[in-house]
Amino acid sequence: MQSPSQPLTRLFTDHPASVGESYGQHMGFALRFALWLLVAAGAALIHALLPFAFERTASRIVARLYARTANRGAH
């Protein structure tokens, strides 16, 4: 018999497990990913105002993030 909390627990563990991580590992990965997205957004914003600044920074960050996530969970 399943406990009432099991479906709630699965909400937090199913996806991380699908990419081979624990909840904590997945949270760390996602927080680092979010930080780098903020850095890329900042560089893009500055580039919009000053086109000579950060000419390729945002696109390099996004490409690196994509490379790290493109095949996650593929078994």
N, C-alpha and C. Protein backbone atom coordinates (compact mmCIF):
# COMPACT_ATOMS: atom_id res chain seq x y z
N MET A 1 0.84 -1.18 0.00
CA MET A 1 0.00 0.00 0.00
C MET A 1 0.88 1.25 0.00
N GLN A 2 0.54 2.22 -0.84
CA GLN A 2 1.30 3.46 -0.92
C GLN A 2 0.89 4.42 0.18
N SER A 3 1.88 5.10 0.73
CA SER A 3 1.54 6.11 1.72
C SER A 3 1.04 7.35 1.00
N PRO A 4 0.23 8.17 1.66
CA PRO A 4 -0.30 9.37 1.01
C PRO A 4 0.78 10.35 0.56
N SER A 5 1.94 10.33 1.22
CA SER A 5 2.99 11.27 0.84
C SER A 5 3.81 10.81 -0.36
N GLN A 6 3.70 9.55 -0.74
CA GLN A 6 4.52 9.04 -1.84
C GLN A 6 4.29 9.79 -3.16
N PRO A 7 3.04 10.05 -3.59
CA PRO A 7 2.89 10.81 -4.83
C PRO A 7 3.52 12.20 -4.75
N LEU A 8 3.45 12.84 -3.58
CA LEU A 8 4.07 14.14 -3.41
C LEU A 8 5.59 14.03 -3.50
N THR A 9 6.16 13.03 -2.89
CA THR A 9 7.60 12.81 -2.94
C THR A 9 8.05 12.59 -4.38
N ARG A 10 7.28 11.84 -5.13
CA ARG A 10 7.63 11.54 -6.51
C ARG A 10 7.69 12.80 -7.37
N LEU A 11 6.89 13.81 -7.03
CA LEU A 11 6.95 15.08 -7.77
C LEU A 11 8.35 15.69 -7.72
N PHE A 12 9.05 15.44 -6.61
CA PHE A 12 10.37 16.00 -6.42
C PHE A 12 11.51 15.07 -6.84
N THR A 13 11.21 13.81 -7.05
CA THR A 13 12.29 12.85 -7.32
C THR A 13 12.24 12.21 -8.70
N ASP A 14 11.09 12.14 -9.33
CA ASP A 14 10.99 11.44 -10.63
C ASP A 14 11.86 12.09 -11.71
N HIS A 15 11.72 13.39 -11.90
CA HIS A 15 12.51 14.04 -12.95
C HIS A 15 14.01 13.99 -12.66
N PRO A 16 14.47 14.36 -11.46
CA PRO A 16 15.91 14.23 -11.21
C PRO A 16 16.43 12.81 -11.48
N ALA A 17 15.65 11.82 -11.07
CA ALA A 17 16.06 10.43 -11.31
C ALA A 17 16.15 10.13 -12.80
N SER A 18 15.30 10.75 -13.60
CA SER A 18 15.30 10.49 -15.05
C SER A 18 16.57 10.98 -15.73
N VAL A 19 17.30 11.88 -15.07
CA VAL A 19 18.58 12.34 -15.61
C VAL A 19 19.75 11.85 -14.75
N GLY A 20 19.47 10.86 -13.91
CA GLY A 20 20.51 10.22 -13.12
C GLY A 20 21.02 11.04 -11.95
N GLU A 21 20.16 11.84 -11.34
CA GLU A 21 20.57 12.69 -10.23
C GLU A 21 19.62 12.54 -9.06
N SER A 22 20.13 12.88 -7.89
CA SER A 22 19.27 12.99 -6.71
C SER A 22 18.59 14.36 -6.76
N TYR A 23 17.67 14.57 -5.84
CA TYR A 23 17.01 15.89 -5.77
C TYR A 23 18.04 16.99 -5.53
N GLY A 24 18.94 16.79 -4.59
CA GLY A 24 19.96 17.79 -4.27
C GLY A 24 20.91 18.06 -5.43
N GLN A 25 21.34 17.01 -6.10
CA GLN A 25 22.22 17.18 -7.25
C GLN A 25 21.51 17.97 -8.35
N HIS A 26 20.26 17.62 -8.58
CA HIS A 26 19.49 18.31 -9.62
C HIS A 26 19.27 19.78 -9.26
N MET A 27 19.00 20.04 -8.00
CA MET A 27 18.81 21.42 -7.57
C MET A 27 20.09 22.22 -7.80
N GLY A 28 21.24 21.65 -7.45
CA GLY A 28 22.50 22.34 -7.67
C GLY A 28 22.75 22.62 -9.14
N PHE A 29 22.50 21.63 -9.99
CA PHE A 29 22.68 21.80 -11.44
C PHE A 29 21.76 22.91 -11.94
N ALA A 30 20.49 22.87 -11.54
CA ALA A 30 19.52 23.85 -12.02
C ALA A 30 19.85 25.26 -11.52
N LEU A 31 20.34 25.38 -10.30
CA LEU A 31 20.71 26.70 -9.78
C LEU A 31 21.92 27.26 -10.52
N ARG A 32 22.92 26.42 -10.79
CA ARG A 32 24.06 26.88 -11.59
C ARG A 32 23.63 27.28 -12.99
N PHE A 33 22.74 26.49 -13.57
CA PHE A 33 22.21 26.78 -14.91
C PHE A 33 21.52 28.14 -14.89
N ALA A 34 20.68 28.38 -13.89
CA ALA A 34 19.96 29.65 -13.77
C ALA A 34 20.93 30.82 -13.60
N LEU A 35 21.98 30.63 -12.82
CA LEU A 35 22.97 31.68 -12.63
C LEU A 35 23.62 32.04 -13.96
N TRP A 36 24.03 31.04 -14.72
CA TRP A 36 24.66 31.31 -16.01
C TRP A 36 23.68 31.96 -16.99
N LEU A 37 22.40 31.61 -16.91
CA LEU A 37 21.40 32.28 -17.75
C LEU A 37 21.29 33.75 -17.38
N LEU A 38 21.36 34.05 -16.09
CA LEU A 38 21.33 35.45 -15.65
C LEU A 38 22.55 36.21 -16.15
N VAL A 39 23.71 35.57 -16.09
CA VAL A 39 24.93 36.19 -16.61
C VAL A 39 24.78 36.46 -18.11
N ALA A 40 24.26 35.49 -18.85
CA ALA A 40 24.06 35.66 -20.30
C ALA A 40 23.06 36.78 -20.57
N ALA A 41 21.99 36.84 -19.79
CA ALA A 41 21.00 37.90 -19.97
C ALA A 41 21.61 39.27 -19.70
N GLY A 42 22.42 39.37 -18.66
CA GLY A 42 23.09 40.63 -18.36
C GLY A 42 24.01 41.06 -19.49
N ALA A 43 24.78 40.11 -20.02
CA ALA A 43 25.68 40.42 -21.12
C ALA A 43 24.89 40.86 -22.35
N ALA A 44 23.78 40.19 -22.61
CA ALA A 44 22.95 40.56 -23.77
C ALA A 44 22.34 41.95 -23.58
N LEU A 45 21.92 42.26 -22.37
CA LEU A 45 21.35 43.58 -22.09
C LEU A 45 22.39 44.67 -22.30
N ILE A 46 23.59 44.46 -21.77
CA ILE A 46 24.65 45.44 -21.96
C ILE A 46 25.00 45.55 -23.44
N HIS A 47 25.05 44.42 -24.13
CA HIS A 47 25.36 44.42 -25.56
C HIS A 47 24.30 45.19 -26.36
N ALA A 48 23.05 45.10 -25.94
CA ALA A 48 21.98 45.83 -26.63
C ALA A 48 22.22 47.34 -26.56
N LEU A 49 22.73 47.79 -25.44
CA LEU A 49 22.98 49.22 -25.24
C LEU A 49 24.33 49.66 -25.79
N LEU A 50 25.31 48.78 -25.68
CA LEU A 50 26.68 49.06 -26.11
C LEU A 50 27.13 47.93 -27.04
N PRO A 51 26.80 48.01 -28.32
CA PRO A 51 27.02 46.89 -29.23
C PRO A 51 28.46 46.40 -29.33
N PHE A 52 29.41 47.22 -28.93
CA PHE A 52 30.81 46.80 -28.97
C PHE A 52 31.20 45.94 -27.77
N ALA A 53 30.34 45.89 -26.76
CA ALA A 53 30.64 45.14 -25.54
C ALA A 53 29.99 43.76 -25.58
N PHE A 54 30.68 42.78 -25.08
CA PHE A 54 30.14 41.41 -24.94
C PHE A 54 29.53 40.89 -26.24
N GLU A 55 30.26 41.04 -27.34
CA GLU A 55 29.73 40.70 -28.66
C GLU A 55 29.31 39.24 -28.78
N ARG A 56 30.01 38.34 -28.14
CA ARG A 56 29.69 36.90 -28.27
C ARG A 56 29.46 36.21 -26.93
N THR A 57 29.47 36.96 -25.87
CA THR A 57 29.39 36.36 -24.53
C THR A 57 28.11 35.58 -24.32
N ALA A 58 26.97 36.19 -24.57
CA ALA A 58 25.69 35.51 -24.32
C ALA A 58 25.55 34.26 -25.19
N SER A 59 25.90 34.36 -26.46
CA SER A 59 25.76 33.20 -27.34
C SER A 59 26.70 32.07 -26.94
N ARG A 60 27.92 32.41 -26.48
CA ARG A 60 28.84 31.36 -26.01
C ARG A 60 28.30 30.66 -24.78
N ILE A 61 27.74 31.44 -23.85
CA ILE A 61 27.18 30.84 -22.62
C ILE A 61 26.01 29.93 -22.98
N VAL A 62 25.11 30.39 -23.84
CA VAL A 62 23.95 29.58 -24.22
C VAL A 62 24.39 28.32 -24.93
N ALA A 63 25.37 28.42 -25.81
CA ALA A 63 25.88 27.22 -26.52
C ALA A 63 26.47 26.23 -25.53
N ARG A 64 27.22 26.72 -24.54
CA ARG A 64 27.82 25.83 -23.54
C ARG A 64 26.74 25.15 -22.70
N LEU A 65 25.72 25.92 -22.31
CA LEU A 65 24.62 25.34 -21.53
C LEU A 65 23.87 24.29 -22.35
N TYR A 66 23.63 24.59 -23.62
CA TYR A 66 22.94 23.63 -24.47
C TYR A 66 23.75 22.33 -24.59
N ALA A 67 25.06 22.47 -24.79
CA ALA A 67 25.91 21.28 -24.90
C ALA A 67 25.86 20.42 -23.65
N ARG A 68 25.74 21.06 -22.49
CA ARG A 68 25.69 20.31 -21.21
C ARG A 68 24.34 19.64 -20.98
N THR A 69 23.28 20.11 -21.65
CA THR A 69 21.95 19.58 -21.35
C THR A 69 21.32 18.80 -22.51
N ALA A 70 21.86 18.90 -23.69
CA ALA A 70 21.21 18.33 -24.88
C ALA A 70 20.91 16.84 -24.75
N ASN A 71 21.80 16.09 -24.18
CA ASN A 71 21.61 14.63 -24.12
C ASN A 71 21.43 14.11 -22.70
N ARG A 72 21.10 14.99 -21.77
CA ARG A 72 20.89 14.52 -20.39
C ARG A 72 19.68 13.60 -20.35
N GLY A 73 19.81 12.55 -19.63
CA GLY A 73 18.70 11.62 -19.46
C GLY A 73 18.56 10.62 -20.59
N ALA A 74 19.36 10.77 -21.63
CA ALA A 74 19.32 9.80 -22.74
C ALA A 74 20.07 8.55 -22.29
N HIS A 75 19.39 7.46 -22.16
CA HIS A 75 20.02 6.21 -21.71
C HIS A 75 20.07 5.23 -22.84
